[in-house]
């Protein structure tokens, strides 16, 4: 949000002040990288879980994206209004979808990004150390029409320090995967005609079962 505001300011200020807006943007990038690195090695992250409407998070992320890194992209929202709430930490989940949409925007700078939500009946996974199976019916798809993920890194995409970006740290998707797992969910990626990242969440009721199997 700070970076997006600085970039918009830079479009209207005179030349004498453009250096100041560039400074803000560069410092935000630096701090963001530092926070990502600290987050990736911390095992004491504070997670404040509560009932959340996933669409509140996605709409907030969409506004941030449109004002900064995705301002040249077309973002399509296809939401299922009947979705139940999930049980999660809002700040962490905002980071998940900021990272995914930022990746989609960087895949094609003037591309089309689709954010889709829905309910998948019958999808479940076995809970480690238990005979229970966890239902993961709520999904969020982040779809882009970029060139796709290089084949050499597809099988290692969610591992730390794996990236196809010049100058990238390779920590973004590793952090995303870690946060999703903390919420009892999983993340998948398909790379056919379009690149599709799918995040699957348990419902509110199932989340509490996962925390206390």
N, C-alpha and C. Protein backbone atom coordinates (compact mmCIF):
# COMPACT_ATOMS: atom_id res chain seq x y z
N UNK A 1 0.81 -1.20 0.00
CA UNK A 1 0.00 0.00 0.00
C UNK A 1 0.85 1.26 0.00
N UNK A 2 1.93 1.30 0.81
CA UNK A 2 2.83 2.45 0.84
C UNK A 2 3.52 2.61 -0.51
N UNK A 3 3.96 1.50 -1.07
CA UNK A 3 4.65 1.56 -2.35
C UNK A 3 3.71 2.05 -3.44
N UNK A 4 2.48 1.54 -3.45
CA UNK A 4 1.52 1.96 -4.46
C UNK A 4 1.21 3.44 -4.38
N UNK A 5 1.05 3.95 -3.14
CA UNK A 5 0.77 5.37 -2.97
C UNK A 5 1.94 6.22 -3.45
N UNK A 6 3.17 5.78 -3.14
CA UNK A 6 4.36 6.52 -3.58
C UNK A 6 4.46 6.54 -5.10
N UNK A 7 4.13 5.43 -5.75
CA UNK A 7 4.19 5.38 -7.21
C UNK A 7 3.16 6.30 -7.84
N UNK A 8 1.96 6.33 -7.26
CA UNK A 8 0.94 7.25 -7.77
C UNK A 8 1.36 8.70 -7.56
N UNK A 9 1.95 8.98 -6.42
CA UNK A 9 2.45 10.33 -6.14
C UNK A 9 3.53 10.72 -7.14
N UNK A 10 4.37 9.76 -7.48
CA UNK A 10 5.45 10.03 -8.43
C UNK A 10 4.96 10.42 -9.81
N UNK A 11 3.72 10.04 -10.15
CA UNK A 11 3.17 10.38 -11.46
C UNK A 11 2.71 11.83 -11.54
N UNK A 12 2.54 12.49 -10.40
CA UNK A 12 1.97 13.84 -10.42
C UNK A 12 2.90 14.91 -9.87
N UNK A 13 3.94 14.54 -9.13
CA UNK A 13 4.83 15.56 -8.56
C UNK A 13 5.81 16.06 -9.61
N UNK A 14 6.44 17.21 -9.33
CA UNK A 14 7.42 17.75 -10.28
C UNK A 14 8.73 16.97 -10.19
N UNK A 15 9.62 17.24 -11.15
CA UNK A 15 10.86 16.47 -11.26
C UNK A 15 11.73 16.57 -10.01
N UNK A 16 11.67 17.70 -9.31
CA UNK A 16 12.50 17.89 -8.12
C UNK A 16 12.14 16.91 -7.01
N UNK A 17 10.90 16.42 -7.01
CA UNK A 17 10.44 15.54 -5.94
C UNK A 17 10.38 14.07 -6.33
N UNK A 18 10.63 13.77 -7.60
CA UNK A 18 10.56 12.37 -8.04
C UNK A 18 11.60 11.50 -7.35
N UNK A 19 12.75 12.08 -7.00
CA UNK A 19 13.77 11.31 -6.29
C UNK A 19 13.25 10.85 -4.93
N UNK A 20 12.41 11.67 -4.31
CA UNK A 20 11.86 11.29 -3.01
C UNK A 20 10.90 10.11 -3.14
N UNK A 21 10.08 10.13 -4.18
CA UNK A 21 9.15 9.01 -4.36
C UNK A 21 9.90 7.74 -4.71
N UNK A 22 10.97 7.86 -5.48
CA UNK A 22 11.80 6.69 -5.79
C UNK A 22 12.44 6.13 -4.53
N UNK A 23 12.84 7.04 -3.64
CA UNK A 23 13.44 6.60 -2.37
C UNK A 23 12.44 5.80 -1.55
N UNK A 24 11.20 6.27 -1.49
CA UNK A 24 10.17 5.54 -0.74
C UNK A 24 9.97 4.15 -1.32
N UNK A 25 9.84 4.08 -2.64
CA UNK A 25 9.62 2.79 -3.30
C UNK A 25 10.77 1.84 -3.03
N UNK A 26 12.00 2.33 -3.16
CA UNK A 26 13.17 1.47 -2.96
C UNK A 26 13.28 1.00 -1.52
N UNK A 27 12.96 1.87 -0.57
CA UNK A 27 13.04 1.49 0.83
C UNK A 27 11.95 0.49 1.21
N UNK A 28 10.76 0.66 0.63
CA UNK A 28 9.70 -0.33 0.87
C UNK A 28 10.13 -1.70 0.36
N UNK A 29 10.74 -1.74 -0.83
CA UNK A 29 11.22 -3.01 -1.37
C UNK A 29 12.27 -3.63 -0.45
N UNK A 30 13.17 -2.79 0.06
CA UNK A 30 14.22 -3.30 0.94
C UNK A 30 13.64 -3.87 2.22
N UNK A 31 12.73 -3.13 2.83
CA UNK A 31 12.12 -3.59 4.08
C UNK A 31 11.29 -4.85 3.85
N UNK A 32 10.59 -4.88 2.71
CA UNK A 32 9.80 -6.07 2.39
C UNK A 32 10.65 -7.31 2.27
N UNK A 33 11.82 -7.17 1.63
CA UNK A 33 12.73 -8.31 1.50
C UNK A 33 13.25 -8.75 2.86
N UNK A 34 13.56 -7.78 3.71
CA UNK A 34 14.04 -8.11 5.05
C UNK A 34 12.99 -8.85 5.86
N UNK A 35 11.76 -8.37 5.80
CA UNK A 35 10.67 -9.02 6.53
C UNK A 35 10.46 -10.45 6.03
N UNK A 36 10.52 -10.64 4.73
CA UNK A 36 10.36 -11.98 4.17
C UNK A 36 11.44 -12.92 4.67
N UNK A 37 12.67 -12.43 4.71
CA UNK A 37 13.77 -13.28 5.15
C UNK A 37 13.64 -13.64 6.63
N UNK A 38 13.24 -12.67 7.45
CA UNK A 38 13.05 -12.94 8.87
C UNK A 38 11.91 -13.92 9.07
N UNK A 39 10.80 -13.72 8.32
CA UNK A 39 9.64 -14.60 8.45
C UNK A 39 9.99 -16.03 8.09
N UNK A 40 10.86 -16.19 7.10
CA UNK A 40 11.17 -17.54 6.62
C UNK A 40 11.96 -18.35 7.61
N UNK A 41 12.67 -17.69 8.53
CA UNK A 41 13.48 -18.44 9.49
C UNK A 41 12.90 -18.42 10.89
N UNK A 42 11.81 -17.72 11.09
CA UNK A 42 11.21 -17.63 12.42
C UNK A 42 10.26 -18.79 12.64
N UNK A 43 10.38 -19.44 13.77
CA UNK A 43 9.43 -20.50 14.10
C UNK A 43 8.53 -20.08 15.26
N UNK A 44 8.48 -18.78 15.52
CA UNK A 44 7.65 -18.26 16.60
C UNK A 44 6.70 -17.18 16.08
N UNK A 45 6.18 -17.37 14.87
CA UNK A 45 5.29 -16.37 14.31
C UNK A 45 4.01 -16.28 15.13
N UNK A 46 3.52 -15.05 15.33
CA UNK A 46 2.29 -14.83 16.08
C UNK A 46 1.11 -14.98 15.12
N UNK A 47 0.23 -15.91 15.41
CA UNK A 47 -0.94 -16.15 14.57
C UNK A 47 -2.18 -15.92 15.40
N UNK A 48 -2.96 -14.95 15.00
CA UNK A 48 -4.20 -14.61 15.70
C UNK A 48 -5.38 -15.06 14.85
N UNK A 49 -5.92 -16.23 15.16
CA UNK A 49 -6.98 -16.78 14.33
C UNK A 49 -8.35 -16.29 14.78
N UNK A 50 -9.22 -16.12 13.78
CA UNK A 50 -10.59 -15.70 14.04
C UNK A 50 -11.43 -16.12 12.83
N UNK A 51 -12.75 -15.99 12.96
CA UNK A 51 -13.63 -16.26 11.82
C UNK A 51 -13.39 -15.20 10.75
N UNK A 52 -13.19 -15.65 9.50
CA UNK A 52 -12.86 -14.73 8.41
C UNK A 52 -13.67 -15.08 7.18
N UNK A 53 -14.16 -14.06 6.51
CA UNK A 53 -14.73 -14.21 5.17
C UNK A 53 -13.58 -14.04 4.18
N UNK A 54 -13.28 -15.10 3.43
CA UNK A 54 -12.12 -15.07 2.54
C UNK A 54 -12.24 -13.97 1.50
N UNK A 55 -13.46 -13.57 1.16
CA UNK A 55 -13.64 -12.51 0.16
C UNK A 55 -13.21 -11.15 0.68
N UNK A 56 -13.31 -10.92 1.99
CA UNK A 56 -12.82 -9.67 2.57
C UNK A 56 -11.31 -9.55 2.34
N UNK A 57 -10.60 -10.65 2.50
CA UNK A 57 -9.15 -10.66 2.28
C UNK A 57 -8.84 -10.44 0.81
N UNK A 58 -9.52 -11.15 -0.07
CA UNK A 58 -9.23 -11.06 -1.50
C UNK A 58 -9.53 -9.68 -2.05
N UNK A 59 -10.61 -9.06 -1.60
CA UNK A 59 -10.94 -7.72 -2.08
C UNK A 59 -9.92 -6.70 -1.59
N UNK A 60 -9.44 -6.87 -0.38
CA UNK A 60 -8.40 -5.96 0.13
C UNK A 60 -7.11 -6.12 -0.66
N UNK A 61 -6.71 -7.35 -0.92
CA UNK A 61 -5.51 -7.60 -1.70
C UNK A 61 -5.67 -7.06 -3.12
N UNK A 62 -6.85 -7.22 -3.68
CA UNK A 62 -7.12 -6.71 -5.03
C UNK A 62 -6.91 -5.20 -5.10
N UNK A 63 -7.40 -4.48 -4.09
CA UNK A 63 -7.23 -3.03 -4.07
C UNK A 63 -5.75 -2.65 -3.99
N UNK A 64 -4.99 -3.36 -3.15
CA UNK A 64 -3.56 -3.10 -3.05
C UNK A 64 -2.85 -3.38 -4.37
N UNK A 65 -3.22 -4.49 -5.01
CA UNK A 65 -2.58 -4.87 -6.27
C UNK A 65 -2.84 -3.84 -7.36
N UNK A 66 -4.08 -3.40 -7.47
CA UNK A 66 -4.45 -2.45 -8.52
C UNK A 66 -3.75 -1.10 -8.35
N UNK A 67 -3.38 -0.76 -7.11
CA UNK A 67 -2.74 0.53 -6.87
C UNK A 67 -1.22 0.46 -6.98
N UNK A 68 -0.68 -0.75 -7.21
CA UNK A 68 0.78 -0.87 -7.26
C UNK A 68 1.23 -1.83 -8.34
N UNK A 69 1.60 -3.05 -7.98
CA UNK A 69 2.29 -3.93 -8.91
C UNK A 69 1.41 -4.47 -10.04
N UNK A 70 0.09 -4.42 -9.89
CA UNK A 70 -0.79 -4.95 -10.94
C UNK A 70 -1.61 -3.86 -11.62
N UNK A 71 -1.13 -2.61 -11.58
CA UNK A 71 -1.94 -1.52 -12.12
C UNK A 71 -2.11 -1.60 -13.63
N UNK A 72 -1.23 -2.35 -14.32
CA UNK A 72 -1.36 -2.52 -15.76
C UNK A 72 -2.05 -3.82 -16.15
N UNK A 73 -2.48 -4.58 -15.16
CA UNK A 73 -3.16 -5.85 -15.42
C UNK A 73 -4.66 -5.70 -15.30
N UNK A 74 -5.38 -6.61 -15.93
CA UNK A 74 -6.82 -6.70 -15.77
C UNK A 74 -7.11 -7.80 -14.75
N UNK A 75 -7.80 -7.45 -13.67
CA UNK A 75 -8.10 -8.43 -12.62
C UNK A 75 -9.59 -8.75 -12.64
N UNK A 76 -9.90 -10.02 -12.82
CA UNK A 76 -11.28 -10.50 -12.87
C UNK A 76 -11.58 -11.23 -11.57
N UNK A 77 -12.69 -10.90 -10.92
CA UNK A 77 -13.10 -11.54 -9.68
C UNK A 77 -14.33 -12.41 -9.92
N UNK A 78 -14.20 -13.69 -9.64
CA UNK A 78 -15.31 -14.65 -9.79
C UNK A 78 -15.52 -15.31 -8.43
N UNK A 79 -16.39 -14.73 -7.62
CA UNK A 79 -16.56 -15.17 -6.25
C UNK A 79 -17.87 -15.92 -6.05
N UNK A 80 -17.79 -16.96 -5.23
CA UNK A 80 -18.99 -17.70 -4.82
C UNK A 80 -19.49 -17.08 -3.51
N UNK A 81 -20.58 -16.32 -3.55
CA UNK A 81 -21.04 -15.61 -2.36
C UNK A 81 -21.55 -16.52 -1.25
N UNK A 82 -21.76 -17.80 -1.55
CA UNK A 82 -22.32 -18.72 -0.55
C UNK A 82 -21.25 -19.40 0.30
N UNK A 83 -19.97 -19.08 0.09
CA UNK A 83 -18.91 -19.77 0.83
C UNK A 83 -19.04 -19.53 2.33
N UNK A 84 -18.82 -20.58 3.12
CA UNK A 84 -18.78 -20.39 4.59
C UNK A 84 -17.50 -19.70 5.00
N UNK A 85 -17.46 -19.24 6.25
CA UNK A 85 -16.25 -18.60 6.77
C UNK A 85 -15.16 -19.63 7.03
N UNK A 86 -13.93 -19.14 7.09
CA UNK A 86 -12.82 -19.99 7.47
C UNK A 86 -12.28 -19.48 8.81
N UNK A 87 -11.34 -20.24 9.38
CA UNK A 87 -10.75 -19.89 10.67
C UNK A 87 -9.28 -19.62 10.42
N UNK A 88 -8.89 -18.34 10.47
CA UNK A 88 -7.51 -18.05 10.12
C UNK A 88 -7.03 -16.70 10.62
N UNK A 89 -5.77 -16.42 10.31
CA UNK A 89 -5.12 -15.18 10.68
C UNK A 89 -5.15 -14.24 9.47
N UNK A 90 -5.83 -13.10 9.60
CA UNK A 90 -6.04 -12.21 8.47
C UNK A 90 -4.72 -11.70 7.89
N UNK A 91 -3.80 -11.26 8.73
CA UNK A 91 -2.55 -10.70 8.23
C UNK A 91 -1.75 -11.73 7.45
N UNK A 92 -1.69 -12.95 7.95
CA UNK A 92 -0.95 -14.01 7.26
C UNK A 92 -1.58 -14.32 5.91
N UNK A 93 -2.91 -14.40 5.87
CA UNK A 93 -3.59 -14.75 4.63
C UNK A 93 -3.52 -13.62 3.61
N UNK A 94 -3.50 -12.38 4.07
CA UNK A 94 -3.27 -11.27 3.14
C UNK A 94 -1.91 -11.44 2.47
N UNK A 95 -0.90 -11.84 3.25
CA UNK A 95 0.43 -12.06 2.68
C UNK A 95 0.43 -13.18 1.66
N UNK A 96 -0.32 -14.24 1.93
CA UNK A 96 -0.41 -15.36 0.97
C UNK A 96 -0.90 -14.86 -0.39
N UNK A 97 -2.01 -14.14 -0.39
CA UNK A 97 -2.61 -13.77 -1.66
C UNK A 97 -1.92 -12.57 -2.31
N UNK A 98 -1.28 -11.72 -1.51
CA UNK A 98 -0.43 -10.69 -2.10
C UNK A 98 0.71 -11.33 -2.89
N UNK A 99 1.34 -12.34 -2.29
CA UNK A 99 2.44 -13.02 -2.98
C UNK A 99 1.98 -13.69 -4.26
N UNK A 100 0.85 -14.39 -4.19
CA UNK A 100 0.37 -15.12 -5.37
C UNK A 100 -0.05 -14.17 -6.48
N UNK A 101 -0.73 -13.09 -6.14
CA UNK A 101 -1.17 -12.15 -7.17
C UNK A 101 0.01 -11.35 -7.71
N UNK A 102 0.98 -11.06 -6.87
CA UNK A 102 2.19 -10.38 -7.35
C UNK A 102 2.92 -11.27 -8.35
N UNK A 103 3.02 -12.56 -8.06
CA UNK A 103 3.64 -13.48 -9.02
C UNK A 103 2.89 -13.50 -10.34
N UNK A 104 1.55 -13.50 -10.24
CA UNK A 104 0.72 -13.51 -11.46
C UNK A 104 0.93 -12.23 -12.26
N UNK A 105 1.04 -11.10 -11.58
CA UNK A 105 1.26 -9.83 -12.27
C UNK A 105 2.63 -9.78 -12.93
N UNK A 106 3.63 -10.36 -12.28
CA UNK A 106 4.98 -10.36 -12.84
C UNK A 106 5.13 -11.35 -13.98
N UNK A 107 4.23 -12.34 -14.04
CA UNK A 107 4.29 -13.31 -15.14
C UNK A 107 3.99 -12.64 -16.48
N UNK A 108 3.10 -11.65 -16.45
CA UNK A 108 2.77 -10.88 -17.66
C UNK A 108 2.31 -9.51 -17.21
N UNK A 109 3.14 -8.51 -17.46
CA UNK A 109 2.93 -7.20 -16.85
C UNK A 109 1.62 -6.52 -17.26
N UNK A 110 1.09 -6.89 -18.43
CA UNK A 110 -0.20 -6.34 -18.88
C UNK A 110 -1.21 -7.47 -19.09
N UNK A 111 -1.07 -8.51 -18.30
CA UNK A 111 -1.89 -9.71 -18.50
C UNK A 111 -3.23 -9.65 -17.78
N UNK A 112 -3.88 -10.80 -17.78
CA UNK A 112 -5.18 -10.97 -17.13
C UNK A 112 -5.01 -11.90 -15.95
N UNK A 113 -5.45 -11.45 -14.78
CA UNK A 113 -5.40 -12.25 -13.56
C UNK A 113 -6.83 -12.54 -13.13
N UNK A 114 -7.13 -13.80 -12.89
CA UNK A 114 -8.47 -14.18 -12.43
C UNK A 114 -8.38 -14.71 -11.01
N UNK A 115 -9.21 -14.15 -10.13
CA UNK A 115 -9.32 -14.63 -8.75
C UNK A 115 -10.68 -15.30 -8.63
N UNK A 116 -10.66 -16.60 -8.36
CA UNK A 116 -11.89 -17.39 -8.36
C UNK A 116 -12.03 -18.14 -7.04
N UNK A 117 -13.22 -18.13 -6.47
CA UNK A 117 -13.47 -18.92 -5.27
C UNK A 117 -14.63 -19.88 -5.51
N UNK A 118 -14.64 -20.95 -4.71
CA UNK A 118 -15.73 -21.91 -4.84
C UNK A 118 -15.67 -22.97 -3.77
N UNK A 119 -16.58 -23.91 -3.86
CA UNK A 119 -16.73 -24.99 -2.87
C UNK A 119 -16.58 -26.31 -3.60
N UNK A 120 -15.61 -27.12 -3.18
CA UNK A 120 -15.32 -28.40 -3.82
C UNK A 120 -15.79 -29.52 -2.90
N UNK A 121 -16.87 -30.16 -3.24
CA UNK A 121 -17.44 -31.24 -2.42
C UNK A 121 -16.57 -32.49 -2.50
N UNK A 122 -16.41 -33.15 -1.36
CA UNK A 122 -15.79 -34.47 -1.35
C UNK A 122 -14.27 -34.49 -1.34
N UNK A 123 -13.62 -33.32 -1.27
CA UNK A 123 -12.15 -33.31 -1.27
C UNK A 123 -11.66 -33.36 0.17
N UNK A 124 -10.79 -34.34 0.49
CA UNK A 124 -10.27 -34.45 1.85
C UNK A 124 -8.89 -35.07 1.84
N UNK A 125 -8.15 -34.87 2.93
CA UNK A 125 -6.82 -35.45 3.08
C UNK A 125 -6.72 -36.11 4.45
N UNK A 126 -5.78 -37.05 4.57
CA UNK A 126 -5.55 -37.73 5.85
C UNK A 126 -4.74 -36.82 6.77
N UNK A 127 -5.16 -36.70 8.02
CA UNK A 127 -4.44 -35.90 9.01
C UNK A 127 -3.28 -36.72 9.56
N UNK A 128 -2.08 -36.17 9.51
CA UNK A 128 -0.90 -36.87 9.99
C UNK A 128 -1.05 -37.23 11.47
N UNK A 129 -0.73 -38.50 11.80
CA UNK A 129 -0.80 -38.95 13.18
C UNK A 129 -2.19 -39.21 13.69
N UNK A 130 -3.16 -39.30 12.78
CA UNK A 130 -4.55 -39.51 13.18
C UNK A 130 -5.25 -40.33 12.12
N UNK A 131 -6.36 -40.95 12.52
CA UNK A 131 -7.18 -41.68 11.55
C UNK A 131 -8.23 -40.78 10.89
N UNK A 132 -8.28 -39.53 11.32
CA UNK A 132 -9.25 -38.59 10.77
C UNK A 132 -8.86 -38.15 9.36
N UNK A 133 -9.84 -37.77 8.59
CA UNK A 133 -9.61 -37.17 7.28
C UNK A 133 -10.19 -35.76 7.32
N UNK A 134 -9.41 -34.81 6.86
CA UNK A 134 -9.79 -33.40 6.91
C UNK A 134 -10.40 -32.98 5.59
N UNK A 135 -11.59 -32.45 5.65
CA UNK A 135 -12.24 -31.96 4.44
C UNK A 135 -11.69 -30.57 4.10
N UNK A 136 -11.39 -30.38 2.82
CA UNK A 136 -10.86 -29.11 2.34
C UNK A 136 -11.74 -28.59 1.19
N UNK A 137 -12.94 -28.16 1.51
CA UNK A 137 -13.89 -27.85 0.44
C UNK A 137 -13.74 -26.45 -0.17
N UNK A 138 -13.12 -25.52 0.55
CA UNK A 138 -13.08 -24.13 0.09
C UNK A 138 -11.81 -23.90 -0.73
N UNK A 139 -11.98 -23.42 -1.95
CA UNK A 139 -10.80 -23.19 -2.78
C UNK A 139 -10.75 -21.76 -3.30
N UNK A 140 -9.52 -21.30 -3.50
CA UNK A 140 -9.25 -20.01 -4.15
C UNK A 140 -8.27 -20.28 -5.27
N UNK A 141 -8.65 -19.92 -6.48
CA UNK A 141 -7.76 -20.04 -7.64
C UNK A 141 -7.20 -18.67 -8.01
N UNK A 142 -5.90 -18.61 -8.22
CA UNK A 142 -5.25 -17.42 -8.78
C UNK A 142 -4.70 -17.83 -10.14
N UNK A 143 -5.26 -17.27 -11.20
CA UNK A 143 -4.97 -17.72 -12.56
C UNK A 143 -4.35 -16.57 -13.34
N UNK A 144 -3.25 -16.84 -14.04
CA UNK A 144 -2.67 -15.82 -14.91
C UNK A 144 -2.46 -16.39 -16.30
N UNK A 145 -2.33 -15.51 -17.28
CA UNK A 145 -2.12 -15.94 -18.66
C UNK A 145 -0.71 -15.65 -19.12
N UNK A 146 0.24 -15.77 -18.19
CA UNK A 146 1.65 -15.58 -18.52
C UNK A 146 2.25 -16.78 -19.22
N UNK A 147 3.56 -16.81 -19.40
CA UNK A 147 4.22 -17.88 -20.15
C UNK A 147 4.33 -19.20 -19.41
N UNK A 148 3.99 -19.24 -18.15
CA UNK A 148 4.05 -20.49 -17.40
C UNK A 148 5.31 -20.61 -16.56
N UNK A 149 5.36 -21.67 -15.78
CA UNK A 149 6.48 -21.92 -14.86
C UNK A 149 7.53 -22.78 -15.56
N UNK A 150 8.80 -22.39 -15.53
CA UNK A 150 9.83 -23.22 -16.17
C UNK A 150 9.82 -24.65 -15.64
N UNK A 151 9.93 -25.60 -16.53
CA UNK A 151 9.84 -27.00 -16.14
C UNK A 151 10.90 -27.40 -15.12
N UNK A 152 12.07 -26.78 -15.18
CA UNK A 152 13.18 -27.17 -14.31
C UNK A 152 12.91 -26.90 -12.83
N UNK A 153 11.94 -26.00 -12.52
CA UNK A 153 11.69 -25.68 -11.11
C UNK A 153 10.30 -26.09 -10.64
N UNK A 154 9.50 -26.68 -11.52
CA UNK A 154 8.11 -26.98 -11.14
C UNK A 154 8.01 -27.89 -9.93
N UNK A 155 8.81 -28.92 -9.88
CA UNK A 155 8.70 -29.89 -8.79
C UNK A 155 9.30 -29.37 -7.49
N UNK A 156 10.00 -28.23 -7.54
CA UNK A 156 10.63 -27.66 -6.34
C UNK A 156 10.09 -26.28 -6.01
N UNK A 157 8.94 -25.95 -6.57
CA UNK A 157 8.46 -24.57 -6.56
C UNK A 157 8.27 -24.00 -5.17
N UNK A 158 7.85 -24.84 -4.21
CA UNK A 158 7.54 -24.35 -2.87
C UNK A 158 8.69 -24.53 -1.89
N UNK A 159 9.86 -24.89 -2.40
CA UNK A 159 11.03 -25.01 -1.55
C UNK A 159 11.72 -23.65 -1.44
N UNK A 160 12.40 -23.38 -0.31
CA UNK A 160 13.10 -22.10 -0.16
C UNK A 160 14.18 -21.90 -1.21
N UNK A 161 14.34 -20.65 -1.64
CA UNK A 161 15.41 -20.21 -2.53
C UNK A 161 15.29 -20.77 -3.95
N UNK A 162 14.08 -21.18 -4.33
CA UNK A 162 13.85 -21.62 -5.71
C UNK A 162 13.09 -20.51 -6.42
N UNK A 163 13.66 -19.97 -7.50
CA UNK A 163 13.01 -18.88 -8.22
C UNK A 163 13.49 -18.85 -9.66
N UNK A 164 12.64 -18.29 -10.52
CA UNK A 164 13.03 -18.06 -11.91
C UNK A 164 13.21 -16.57 -12.18
N UNK A 165 13.06 -15.74 -11.14
CA UNK A 165 13.14 -14.29 -11.30
C UNK A 165 14.57 -13.81 -11.10
N UNK A 166 14.99 -12.89 -11.95
CA UNK A 166 16.29 -12.28 -11.77
C UNK A 166 16.29 -11.45 -10.48
N UNK A 167 17.22 -11.73 -9.58
CA UNK A 167 17.30 -11.00 -8.33
C UNK A 167 16.31 -11.44 -7.28
N UNK A 168 15.49 -12.46 -7.56
CA UNK A 168 14.51 -12.92 -6.60
C UNK A 168 15.15 -13.72 -5.48
N UNK A 169 14.52 -13.69 -4.30
CA UNK A 169 15.07 -14.42 -3.15
C UNK A 169 14.63 -15.88 -3.13
N UNK A 170 13.52 -16.19 -3.83
CA UNK A 170 13.02 -17.56 -3.82
C UNK A 170 12.34 -17.95 -2.52
N UNK A 171 11.92 -16.95 -1.75
CA UNK A 171 11.29 -17.24 -0.46
C UNK A 171 9.77 -17.05 -0.49
N UNK A 172 9.25 -16.34 -1.47
CA UNK A 172 7.84 -15.99 -1.48
C UNK A 172 6.91 -17.18 -1.43
N UNK A 173 7.08 -18.14 -2.33
CA UNK A 173 6.19 -19.29 -2.38
C UNK A 173 6.44 -20.25 -1.22
N UNK A 174 7.67 -20.28 -0.72
CA UNK A 174 7.95 -21.09 0.47
C UNK A 174 7.17 -20.56 1.67
N UNK A 175 7.13 -19.24 1.81
CA UNK A 175 6.37 -18.62 2.90
C UNK A 175 4.89 -18.87 2.71
N UNK A 176 4.41 -18.73 1.47
CA UNK A 176 2.99 -19.00 1.16
C UNK A 176 2.61 -20.41 1.58
N UNK A 177 3.42 -21.39 1.18
CA UNK A 177 3.14 -22.78 1.51
C UNK A 177 3.11 -23.01 3.01
N UNK A 178 4.04 -22.39 3.73
CA UNK A 178 4.11 -22.54 5.18
C UNK A 178 2.87 -21.98 5.86
N UNK A 179 2.42 -20.80 5.42
CA UNK A 179 1.23 -20.17 6.03
C UNK A 179 -0.01 -21.01 5.75
N UNK A 180 -0.14 -21.50 4.53
CA UNK A 180 -1.31 -22.31 4.18
C UNK A 180 -1.34 -23.58 5.03
N UNK A 181 -0.20 -24.21 5.21
CA UNK A 181 -0.13 -25.41 6.04
C UNK A 181 -0.51 -25.10 7.49
N UNK A 182 -0.10 -23.93 7.98
CA UNK A 182 -0.47 -23.53 9.34
C UNK A 182 -1.98 -23.42 9.50
N UNK A 183 -2.67 -23.17 8.41
CA UNK A 183 -4.13 -23.05 8.43
C UNK A 183 -4.83 -24.37 8.11
N UNK A 184 -4.07 -25.46 8.07
CA UNK A 184 -4.65 -26.77 7.80
C UNK A 184 -5.02 -26.99 6.35
N UNK A 185 -4.49 -26.15 5.45
CA UNK A 185 -4.82 -26.25 4.03
C UNK A 185 -3.65 -26.76 3.22
N UNK A 186 -3.83 -26.78 1.92
CA UNK A 186 -2.77 -27.15 0.99
C UNK A 186 -2.81 -26.20 -0.20
N UNK A 187 -1.68 -26.12 -0.91
CA UNK A 187 -1.62 -25.32 -2.12
C UNK A 187 -1.15 -26.21 -3.27
N UNK A 188 -1.78 -26.05 -4.42
CA UNK A 188 -1.45 -26.82 -5.62
C UNK A 188 -1.16 -25.85 -6.75
N UNK A 189 -0.45 -26.33 -7.76
CA UNK A 189 -0.22 -25.51 -8.95
C UNK A 189 -0.38 -26.37 -10.19
N UNK A 190 -1.06 -25.81 -11.19
CA UNK A 190 -1.20 -26.45 -12.49
C UNK A 190 -0.65 -25.50 -13.53
N UNK A 191 -0.01 -26.06 -14.54
CA UNK A 191 0.66 -25.23 -15.53
C UNK A 191 0.31 -25.75 -16.92
N UNK A 192 -0.96 -25.56 -17.30
CA UNK A 192 -1.41 -25.99 -18.62
C UNK A 192 -1.44 -24.79 -19.55
N UNK A 193 -2.61 -24.45 -20.06
CA UNK A 193 -2.75 -23.26 -20.91
C UNK A 193 -2.48 -22.01 -20.08
N UNK A 194 -2.99 -21.99 -18.85
CA UNK A 194 -2.74 -20.92 -17.89
C UNK A 194 -2.07 -21.50 -16.66
N UNK A 195 -1.42 -20.63 -15.88
CA UNK A 195 -0.87 -21.05 -14.60
C UNK A 195 -1.94 -20.83 -13.53
N UNK A 196 -2.25 -21.88 -12.77
CA UNK A 196 -3.31 -21.82 -11.77
C UNK A 196 -2.74 -22.26 -10.43
N UNK A 197 -2.72 -21.34 -9.47
CA UNK A 197 -2.41 -21.69 -8.09
C UNK A 197 -3.74 -21.86 -7.36
N UNK A 198 -3.91 -23.01 -6.73
CA UNK A 198 -5.13 -23.31 -5.99
C UNK A 198 -4.80 -23.48 -4.52
N UNK A 199 -5.46 -22.68 -3.68
CA UNK A 199 -5.31 -22.80 -2.24
C UNK A 199 -6.60 -23.41 -1.69
N UNK A 200 -6.47 -24.51 -0.96
CA UNK A 200 -7.61 -25.23 -0.41
C UNK A 200 -7.64 -25.07 1.11
N UNK A 201 -8.81 -24.68 1.63
CA UNK A 201 -8.96 -24.45 3.06
C UNK A 201 -10.05 -25.34 3.63
N UNK A 202 -9.91 -25.72 4.91
CA UNK A 202 -11.03 -26.34 5.61
C UNK A 202 -12.05 -25.27 5.99
N UNK A 203 -13.28 -25.69 6.20
CA UNK A 203 -14.29 -24.77 6.71
C UNK A 203 -13.98 -24.46 8.17
N UNK A 204 -14.72 -23.54 8.74
CA UNK A 204 -14.52 -23.15 10.14
C UNK A 204 -14.61 -24.36 11.07
N UNK A 205 -15.62 -25.19 10.89
CA UNK A 205 -15.81 -26.37 11.73
C UNK A 205 -14.65 -27.35 11.58
N UNK A 206 -14.23 -27.59 10.35
CA UNK A 206 -13.15 -28.54 10.10
C UNK A 206 -11.81 -28.03 10.62
N UNK A 207 -11.61 -26.71 10.59
CA UNK A 207 -10.36 -26.14 11.10
C UNK A 207 -10.17 -26.45 12.57
N UNK A 208 -11.24 -26.32 13.33
CA UNK A 208 -11.15 -26.58 14.76
C UNK A 208 -10.92 -28.07 15.03
N UNK A 209 -11.45 -28.92 14.17
CA UNK A 209 -11.21 -30.36 14.29
C UNK A 209 -9.74 -30.67 14.02
N UNK A 210 -9.16 -29.96 13.02
CA UNK A 210 -7.76 -30.17 12.68
C UNK A 210 -6.85 -29.72 13.82
N UNK A 211 -7.22 -28.59 14.47
CA UNK A 211 -6.40 -28.12 15.57
C UNK A 211 -6.48 -29.02 16.80
N UNK A 212 -7.61 -29.77 16.92
CA UNK A 212 -7.81 -30.66 18.08
C UNK A 212 -8.30 -32.02 17.60
N UNK A 213 -7.48 -32.76 16.84
CA UNK A 213 -7.93 -34.04 16.29
C UNK A 213 -8.18 -35.08 17.38
